[in-house]
Amino acid sequence: MHNDIVLSREELSKRHLRVSDYVPDTEAFVDCRLPGSMPKENYSMIGPGVTQSTKQVVNLREPHGFNIGAAGVHPGITNNLHLHFTSETFIAASGAYTLRWGVTGEEGSLPLEKGDIAVMPTWMFRGFSSASNDYGFLMTVLGGDDTGGIIWSPDVLRRARDTGLWLTKNNLLVDTATGASVPNPSDLMPLMQSNEVQSLRRWSPEEMRARVQKLDERIFRPATLDAACGYRWMIAPAVGAGLTQSRHHWPKVAEPQGFSIEWARIHPGEGSAAFYTDEKMVVMNVFGVLRVRLNRGDAVLDCMLQPREMLSIPAGVWRSFSVDSSAADASECLLVLPGDARKRIHYDAALVEAAHANQVTLDADGRLAAASLLPPSMLRD
């Protein structure tokens, strides 16, 4: 028996992250003064991410099993080469970019446009540059609550020191241009040696292209039990094992990242049934305006998500998604949940019974199936 977890209005206000709440740090990384990297904007919305600045504003520090941040990218700006220890997945919320990889960027490059998702391998130097005349917002999902920081290309660290910025072993910046002393050599982040660089795996453009989901490659399907009861919303998997209950659905990148990402599309006048999950969920709205209804009964709260806004929903809280019938466009949002295992959607018992009455159920693997094909003992919620 599930005891309803009720989200208060005060808690909702903390967990609804609006674009106006995002605060950029222009000196979050050691490369921020390098030519072509100014102005450099870093945002930390959920968790601190890999920021190297003590001044970084973090909107929601509560652990989620992943971090979400963004880079604000002005035309002509470059993010320099570095590597991560945990997954880094890029989501192009707006703008266009050129991804490149290798210690000097020589191994390959790929375009990334609005709505595209790129899953970057760990222990691979990567960076990106603006490929647009407009301001871009490149969002990132990082694996784990503690990402371990990053390692910069040796060339980047050398050039950064000439600008007065030094990086310590504790992943913190020391700015000698503002009067700080040069750290002791034993306290500095060491430069990666050539033999260590040579030991890194090399990735071909073809291998990297297989880790990019272009906007037109998404496969949307009605993929949840509530479709049997007339609810209309669709899911397109992107990264990892998520919520989809369709046995015909597979993510573009199935390799474990520590989280899952799925697209949800909801047309005007349509939506999902109420459900809850055992994990926290972050809803990142990308296109259109999404209504998220939280709680049940007299405690119901509505949250309207504009493009680039986020909502963190605690585990066990009832929620449903919809788009007002008066809306001009569908909403397309991303659902981010922690963990590599498949997630389970929990519905009200009445909806499960109604789906069974309509001859739709879930099989022993949690996938949609015809109820007539399963023994009564196998009917699942």
Protein backbone atom coordinates (compact mmCIF):
# COMPACT_ATOMS: atom_id res chain seq x y z
CA MET A 1 0.00 0.00 0.00
CA HIS A 2 1.51 3.30 -1.12
CA ASN A 3 1.24 6.18 1.31
CA ASP A 4 0.89 9.36 -0.71
CA ILE A 5 3.87 11.69 -0.45
CA VAL A 6 2.49 15.20 -0.74
CA LEU A 7 4.62 17.98 -2.19
CA SER A 8 3.95 21.33 -0.49
CA ARG A 9 3.63 24.57 -2.41
CA GLU A 10 6.74 25.87 -0.65
CA GLU A 11 8.74 22.79 -1.66
CA LEU A 12 7.41 23.04 -5.21
CA SER A 13 8.70 26.62 -5.49
CA LYS A 14 12.20 25.38 -4.61
CA ARG A 15 12.08 22.51 -7.07
CA HIS A 16 10.65 24.46 -10.02
CA LEU A 17 13.75 25.97 -11.63
CA ARG A 18 12.98 28.85 -13.96
CA VAL A 19 15.37 30.36 -16.49
CA SER A 20 15.45 33.51 -14.35
CA ASP A 21 16.77 31.37 -11.46
CA TYR A 22 19.83 30.22 -13.38
CA VAL A 23 22.96 32.17 -12.39
CA PRO A 24 26.03 32.05 -14.63
CA ASP A 25 29.56 31.95 -13.29
CA THR A 26 31.97 33.43 -15.85
CA GLU A 27 35.06 32.20 -13.99
CA ALA A 28 34.03 28.64 -13.16
CA PHE A 29 36.91 27.00 -15.03
CA VAL A 30 40.62 27.43 -15.51
CA ASP A 31 40.26 28.20 -19.23
CA CYS A 32 37.92 31.17 -18.78
CA ARG A 33 40.52 33.77 -19.86
CA LEU A 34 41.89 31.99 -22.88
CA PRO A 35 41.38 33.73 -26.22
CA GLY A 36 38.09 32.62 -27.76
CA SER A 37 36.68 31.51 -24.41
CA MET A 38 35.44 34.86 -23.11
CA PRO A 39 32.72 35.34 -22.01
CA LYS A 40 32.37 31.80 -20.66
CA GLU A 41 29.14 31.04 -18.76
CA ASN A 42 28.68 27.99 -16.53
CA TYR A 43 25.41 27.06 -14.82
CA SER A 44 24.85 24.49 -12.06
CA MET A 45 21.13 23.80 -11.65
CA ILE A 46 21.04 20.42 -9.92
CA GLY A 47 24.23 19.60 -8.05
CA PRO A 48 27.53 21.49 -8.43
CA GLY A 49 28.63 19.53 -11.48
CA VAL A 50 32.34 19.98 -12.19
CA THR A 51 32.66 23.68 -11.40
CA GLN A 52 36.08 24.79 -10.14
CA SER A 53 34.78 28.03 -8.62
CA THR A 54 33.71 28.61 -5.01
CA LYS A 55 31.42 31.37 -6.31
CA GLN A 56 29.24 29.08 -8.43
CA VAL A 57 25.52 29.35 -7.57
CA VAL A 58 23.87 25.92 -7.38
CA ASN A 59 20.09 26.08 -7.65
CA LEU A 60 19.33 22.72 -6.03
CA ARG A 61 22.12 20.92 -4.15
CA GLU A 62 20.01 17.94 -3.09
CA PRO A 63 21.58 14.69 -4.41
CA HIS A 64 19.70 13.16 -7.34
CA GLY A 65 22.14 10.50 -8.51
CA PHE A 66 23.20 12.84 -11.33
CA ASN A 67 24.05 16.52 -11.88
CA ILE A 68 22.44 18.88 -14.39
CA GLY A 69 24.09 22.06 -15.60
CA ALA A 70 24.58 24.09 -18.74
CA ALA A 71 26.97 26.22 -20.71
CA GLY A 72 25.75 29.54 -22.05
CA VAL A 73 27.57 29.83 -25.38
CA HIS A 74 27.92 33.13 -27.20
CA PRO A 75 28.75 33.17 -30.93
CA GLY A 76 32.40 32.37 -31.55
CA ILE A 77 33.04 30.95 -28.06
CA THR A 78 35.01 27.75 -27.47
CA ASN A 79 34.88 25.34 -24.54
CA ASN A 80 38.37 23.86 -24.29
CA LEU A 81 39.42 20.23 -24.21
CA HIS A 82 38.95 18.25 -20.99
CA LEU A 83 37.89 14.78 -19.87
CA HIS A 84 35.36 13.47 -17.34
CA PHE A 85 35.41 10.44 -15.04
CA THR A 86 31.64 9.93 -15.17
CA SER A 87 29.19 10.25 -18.02
CA GLU A 88 28.68 13.64 -19.65
CA THR A 89 25.65 13.91 -21.91
CA PHE A 90 25.10 17.08 -23.95
CA ILE A 91 21.59 18.33 -24.74
CA ALA A 92 21.39 21.20 -27.22
CA ALA A 93 18.50 23.21 -25.77
CA SER A 94 19.24 26.02 -28.22
CA GLY A 95 22.00 27.01 -30.60
CA ALA A 96 24.34 24.92 -32.76
CA TYR A 97 27.76 23.51 -31.90
CA THR A 98 30.76 21.65 -33.21
CA LEU A 99 31.90 18.84 -30.92
CA ARG A 100 35.52 17.79 -31.15
CA TRP A 101 37.61 15.24 -29.28
CA GLY A 102 41.18 14.09 -28.69
CA VAL A 103 43.88 15.79 -26.57
CA THR A 104 44.31 18.48 -29.23
CA GLY A 105 40.91 17.99 -30.87
CA GLU A 106 42.46 16.06 -33.75
CA GLU A 107 40.52 12.78 -33.48
CA GLY A 108 37.27 14.01 -34.96
CA SER A 109 34.35 16.43 -34.90
CA LEU A 110 30.57 16.31 -35.23
CA PRO A 111 27.79 18.91 -35.51
CA LEU A 112 25.24 19.24 -32.72
CA GLU A 113 22.02 21.16 -33.37
CA LYS A 114 18.95 22.14 -31.36
CA GLY A 115 17.34 19.10 -29.76
CA ASP A 116 20.28 16.77 -30.40
CA ILE A 117 21.69 14.62 -27.58
CA ALA A 118 25.32 13.43 -27.47
CA VAL A 119 26.63 10.91 -24.93
CA MET A 120 30.36 11.51 -24.43
CA PRO A 121 32.60 8.61 -23.33
CA THR A 122 34.48 8.85 -20.05
CA TRP A 123 38.25 9.40 -20.13
CA MET A 124 38.13 11.10 -23.51
CA PHE A 125 39.20 14.71 -24.09
CA ARG A 126 36.30 16.66 -25.52
CA GLY A 127 35.27 20.26 -26.15
CA PHE A 128 32.87 22.27 -28.26
CA SER A 129 32.56 25.56 -30.11
CA SER A 130 29.61 27.70 -31.11
CA ALA A 131 28.49 27.07 -34.68
CA SER A 132 25.72 29.66 -34.59
CA ASN A 133 25.27 33.40 -34.81
CA ASP A 134 22.85 33.18 -31.89
CA TYR A 135 23.35 32.63 -28.16
CA GLY A 136 23.21 28.94 -27.33
CA PHE A 137 22.29 26.95 -24.23
CA LEU A 138 24.00 23.57 -24.08
CA MET A 139 22.71 21.54 -21.15
CA THR A 140 24.59 18.66 -19.55
CA VAL A 141 23.66 15.64 -17.47
CA LEU A 142 26.60 14.26 -15.49
CA GLY A 143 26.66 10.80 -13.93
CA GLY A 144 26.75 10.42 -10.14
CA ASP A 145 26.37 12.84 -7.25
CA ASP A 146 30.16 13.22 -7.03
CA THR A 147 31.59 13.56 -10.53
CA GLY A 148 35.22 13.67 -9.35
CA GLY A 149 35.93 16.85 -11.35
CA ILE A 150 37.73 16.90 -14.69
CA ILE A 151 41.21 16.68 -16.21
CA TRP A 152 42.23 19.43 -18.60
CA SER A 153 44.37 18.98 -21.67
CA PRO A 154 48.00 19.76 -20.72
CA ASP A 155 48.07 22.51 -23.33
CA VAL A 156 45.02 24.18 -21.77
CA LEU A 157 46.58 24.17 -18.28
CA ARG A 158 49.85 25.62 -19.58
CA ARG A 159 48.10 28.45 -21.42
CA ALA A 160 45.78 29.12 -18.46
CA ARG A 161 48.77 29.66 -16.16
CA ASP A 162 49.93 32.44 -18.48
CA THR A 163 46.62 34.22 -17.75
CA GLY A 164 47.19 33.98 -13.96
CA LEU A 165 44.86 31.02 -13.31
CA TRP A 166 46.26 27.92 -11.62
CA LEU A 167 44.42 24.74 -10.70
CA THR A 168 45.12 22.87 -7.46
CA LYS A 169 44.83 19.16 -6.77
CA ASN A 170 41.61 19.97 -4.90
CA ASN A 171 40.10 21.17 -8.19
CA LEU A 172 40.02 24.82 -7.07
CA LEU A 173 41.18 27.89 -8.97
CA VAL A 174 43.94 30.19 -7.71
CA ASP A 175 44.00 33.60 -9.40
CA THR A 176 47.41 35.26 -9.27
CA ALA A 177 46.08 38.10 -11.45
CA THR A 178 44.12 39.33 -8.41
CA GLY A 179 47.03 39.06 -5.96
CA ALA A 180 47.06 35.41 -4.90
CA SER A 181 50.41 33.65 -4.70
CA VAL A 182 51.40 30.94 -7.14
CA PRO A 183 50.65 27.62 -5.39
CA ASN A 184 53.48 25.31 -4.42
CA PRO A 185 54.25 22.84 -7.21
CA SER A 186 53.25 19.98 -4.92
CA ASP A 187 49.77 21.50 -4.57
CA LEU A 188 49.16 21.92 -8.30
CA MET A 189 47.09 19.65 -10.49
CA PRO A 190 49.81 17.80 -12.46
CA LEU A 191 49.92 17.94 -16.23
CA MET A 192 48.93 14.68 -17.87
CA GLN A 193 52.05 13.08 -19.31
CA SER A 194 52.33 12.03 -22.96
CA ASN A 195 52.42 8.31 -22.13
CA GLU A 196 49.21 8.71 -20.12
CA VAL A 197 47.57 10.57 -22.99
CA GLN A 198 48.66 7.87 -25.45
CA SER A 199 47.03 5.20 -23.25
CA LEU A 200 43.58 6.74 -23.74
CA ARG A 201 41.17 5.00 -26.10
CA ARG A 202 40.74 6.72 -29.47
CA TRP A 203 37.24 7.19 -30.88
CA SER A 204 36.43 7.33 -34.58
CA PRO A 205 33.84 9.75 -36.02
CA GLU A 206 31.66 6.73 -36.84
CA GLU A 207 31.77 5.50 -33.23
CA MET A 208 30.92 8.94 -31.91
CA ARG A 209 28.10 9.42 -34.41
CA ALA A 210 26.50 6.28 -32.97
CA ARG A 211 26.39 8.08 -29.60
CA VAL A 212 24.44 11.06 -30.95
CA GLN A 213 20.65 11.08 -31.21
CA LYS A 214 19.61 13.68 -33.75
CA LEU A 215 16.22 15.29 -33.32
CA ASP A 216 14.80 13.52 -36.38
CA GLU A 217 16.03 10.11 -35.15
CA ARG A 218 13.68 9.94 -32.18
CA ILE A 219 11.10 7.14 -32.28
CA PHE A 220 7.95 8.16 -30.41
CA ARG A 221 5.38 5.56 -29.41
CA PRO A 222 2.49 5.29 -26.96
CA ALA A 223 4.54 3.31 -24.46
CA THR A 224 2.68 3.15 -21.15
CA LEU A 225 -0.23 1.21 -19.66
CA ASP A 226 -2.49 4.28 -19.42
CA ALA A 227 -2.78 4.36 -23.23
CA ALA A 228 -5.26 1.49 -22.85
CA CYS A 229 -7.52 3.88 -20.91
CA GLY A 230 -7.50 6.71 -23.44
CA TYR A 231 -4.54 8.76 -22.20
CA ARG A 232 -2.37 10.11 -24.98
CA TRP A 233 1.31 10.80 -24.57
CA MET A 234 4.35 9.28 -26.25
CA ILE A 235 7.89 8.38 -25.24
CA ALA A 236 11.11 8.24 -27.27
CA PRO A 237 14.07 6.66 -25.42
CA ALA A 238 17.43 8.40 -25.71
CA VAL A 239 19.87 7.19 -23.03
CA GLY A 240 19.66 4.14 -20.79
CA ALA A 241 16.75 2.14 -19.44
CA GLY A 242 13.92 4.48 -18.51
CA LEU A 243 10.14 4.36 -18.11
CA THR A 244 9.00 2.97 -21.45
CA GLN A 245 6.89 -0.18 -21.19
CA SER A 246 7.00 -0.92 -24.92
CA ARG A 247 8.94 -4.06 -25.85
CA HIS A 248 9.72 -2.42 -29.22
CA HIS A 249 11.56 0.50 -27.60
CA TRP A 250 15.32 0.76 -27.13
CA PRO A 251 17.50 3.78 -26.33
CA LYS A 252 19.99 5.22 -28.78
CA VAL A 253 22.74 4.64 -26.20
CA ALA A 254 22.08 1.62 -23.98
CA GLU A 255 25.51 1.60 -22.31
CA PRO A 256 25.08 2.32 -18.56
CA GLN A 257 25.55 6.00 -17.72
CA GLY A 258 24.15 6.08 -14.19
CA PHE A 259 20.90 7.71 -15.38
CA SER A 260 18.28 7.47 -18.11
CA ILE A 261 16.95 10.15 -20.45
CA GLU A 262 13.73 9.86 -22.44
CA TRP A 263 11.76 12.30 -24.55
CA ALA A 264 8.06 12.70 -23.79
CA ARG A 265 5.77 14.33 -26.37
CA ILE A 266 2.30 15.59 -25.46
CA HIS A 267 -0.03 17.27 -27.93
CA PRO A 268 -2.53 20.02 -26.99
CA GLY A 269 -5.50 18.62 -25.12
CA GLU A 270 -3.72 15.37 -24.27
CA GLY A 271 -1.69 14.00 -21.38
CA SER A 272 -0.82 11.11 -19.09
CA ALA A 273 -2.63 9.47 -16.22
CA ALA A 274 -1.38 10.17 -12.70
CA PHE A 275 1.52 7.95 -11.63
CA TYR A 276 4.54 7.91 -9.35
CA THR A 277 8.03 6.42 -9.53
CA ASP A 278 10.36 4.96 -6.92
CA GLU A 279 13.12 7.31 -8.06
CA LYS A 280 13.43 11.07 -8.20
CA MET A 281 12.60 12.49 -11.61
CA VAL A 282 13.72 15.69 -13.25
CA VAL A 283 11.50 17.05 -16.03
CA MET A 284 13.41 19.29 -18.46
CA ASN A 285 11.04 21.06 -20.81
CA VAL A 286 12.52 21.81 -24.24
CA PHE A 287 9.66 22.71 -26.57
CA GLY A 288 6.20 24.12 -25.85
CA VAL A 289 4.55 24.61 -22.44
CA LEU A 290 4.00 21.63 -20.17
CA ARG A 291 1.55 21.36 -17.28
CA VAL A 292 2.69 19.07 -14.47
CA ARG A 293 -0.02 18.23 -11.94
CA LEU A 294 1.30 17.07 -8.58
CA ASN A 295 -0.38 15.29 -5.63
CA ARG A 296 -4.00 14.11 -5.55
CA GLY A 297 -7.31 15.18 -4.06
CA ASP A 298 -7.39 18.48 -2.17
CA ALA A 299 -3.58 18.76 -2.27
CA VAL A 300 -3.30 19.08 -6.08
CA LEU A 301 -0.77 21.63 -7.34
CA ASP A 302 -0.14 22.68 -10.94
CA CYS A 303 3.27 23.66 -12.30
CA MET A 304 3.63 25.20 -15.77
CA LEU A 305 7.01 24.56 -17.37
CA GLN A 306 8.25 26.94 -20.06
CA PRO A 307 11.07 25.99 -22.46
CA ARG A 308 14.41 25.38 -20.65
CA GLU A 309 12.69 25.19 -17.25
CA MET A 310 13.07 22.18 -14.94
CA LEU A 311 11.11 20.49 -12.20
CA SER A 312 12.57 18.04 -9.69
CA ILE A 313 9.92 15.60 -8.47
CA PRO A 314 10.65 13.53 -5.33
CA ALA A 315 10.18 9.78 -5.40
CA GLY A 316 6.66 8.68 -4.48
CA VAL A 317 4.92 11.95 -5.42
CA TRP A 318 1.95 11.53 -7.78
CA ARG A 319 2.31 13.45 -11.03
CA SER A 320 0.67 13.72 -14.44
CA PHE A 321 1.61 15.59 -17.60
CA SER A 322 -0.65 17.50 -19.96
CA VAL A 323 -0.77 20.32 -22.48
CA ASP A 324 -3.68 22.75 -22.46
CA SER A 325 -6.04 22.39 -25.40
CA SER A 326 -5.53 26.08 -26.21
CA ALA A 327 -1.76 25.65 -26.65
CA ALA A 328 -0.32 26.32 -30.08
CA ASP A 329 2.20 23.48 -30.01
CA ALA A 330 2.99 20.17 -28.40
CA SER A 331 5.33 19.97 -25.45
CA GLU A 332 8.47 17.93 -25.81
CA CYS A 333 10.31 17.40 -22.54
CA LEU A 334 13.07 15.18 -21.21
CA LEU A 335 12.57 12.84 -18.27
CA VAL A 336 15.80 12.18 -16.34
CA LEU A 337 15.89 9.46 -13.67
CA PRO A 338 18.84 8.00 -11.73
CA GLY A 339 20.19 4.48 -12.09
CA ASP A 340 20.86 2.02 -14.89
CA ALA A 341 17.99 -0.40 -14.17
CA ARG A 342 14.60 -0.03 -15.87
CA LYS A 343 12.20 2.17 -13.95
CA ARG A 344 8.69 1.20 -12.96
CA ILE A 345 5.61 3.38 -13.31
CA HIS A 346 3.06 2.96 -10.52
CA TYR A 347 -0.59 3.66 -11.37
CA ASP A 348 -3.72 3.78 -9.28
CA ALA A 349 -5.34 0.35 -8.92
CA ALA A 350 -8.49 1.56 -10.71
CA LEU A 351 -6.49 2.44 -13.84
CA VAL A 352 -4.75 -0.95 -13.81
CA GLU A 353 -8.12 -2.71 -13.57
CA ALA A 354 -9.52 -0.58 -16.40
CA ALA A 355 -6.52 -1.46 -18.59
CA HIS A 356 -7.09 -5.15 -17.82
CA ALA A 357 -10.74 -4.76 -18.76
CA ASN A 358 -9.51 -3.35 -22.08
CA GLN A 359 -7.31 -6.45 -22.48
CA VAL A 360 -3.98 -4.67 -21.86
CA THR A 361 -1.57 -5.58 -19.08
CA LEU A 362 2.14 -5.91 -18.35
CA ASP A 363 3.99 -9.18 -18.76
CA ALA A 364 6.54 -10.63 -16.33
CA ASP A 365 9.20 -8.35 -17.86
CA GLY A 366 7.08 -5.25 -17.25
CA ARG A 367 6.27 -4.82 -20.95
CA LEU A 368 2.88 -4.13 -22.51
CA ALA A 369 1.03 -7.27 -23.54
CA ALA A 370 -2.43 -8.55 -24.42
CA ALA A 371 -4.10 -9.66 -21.18
CA SER A 372 -5.77 -12.56 -23.00
CA LEU A 373 -2.36 -14.14 -23.62
CA LEU A 374 -1.33 -14.25 -19.96
CA PRO A 375 -2.60 -16.45 -17.12
CA PRO A 376 -4.56 -14.50 -14.48
CA SER A 377 -1.74 -15.00 -11.96
CA MET A 378 0.60 -13.04 -14.25
CA LEU A 379 -1.50 -9.86 -14.43
CA ARG A 380 0.70 -7.02 -13.20
CA ASP A 381 0.33 -3.36 -12.32
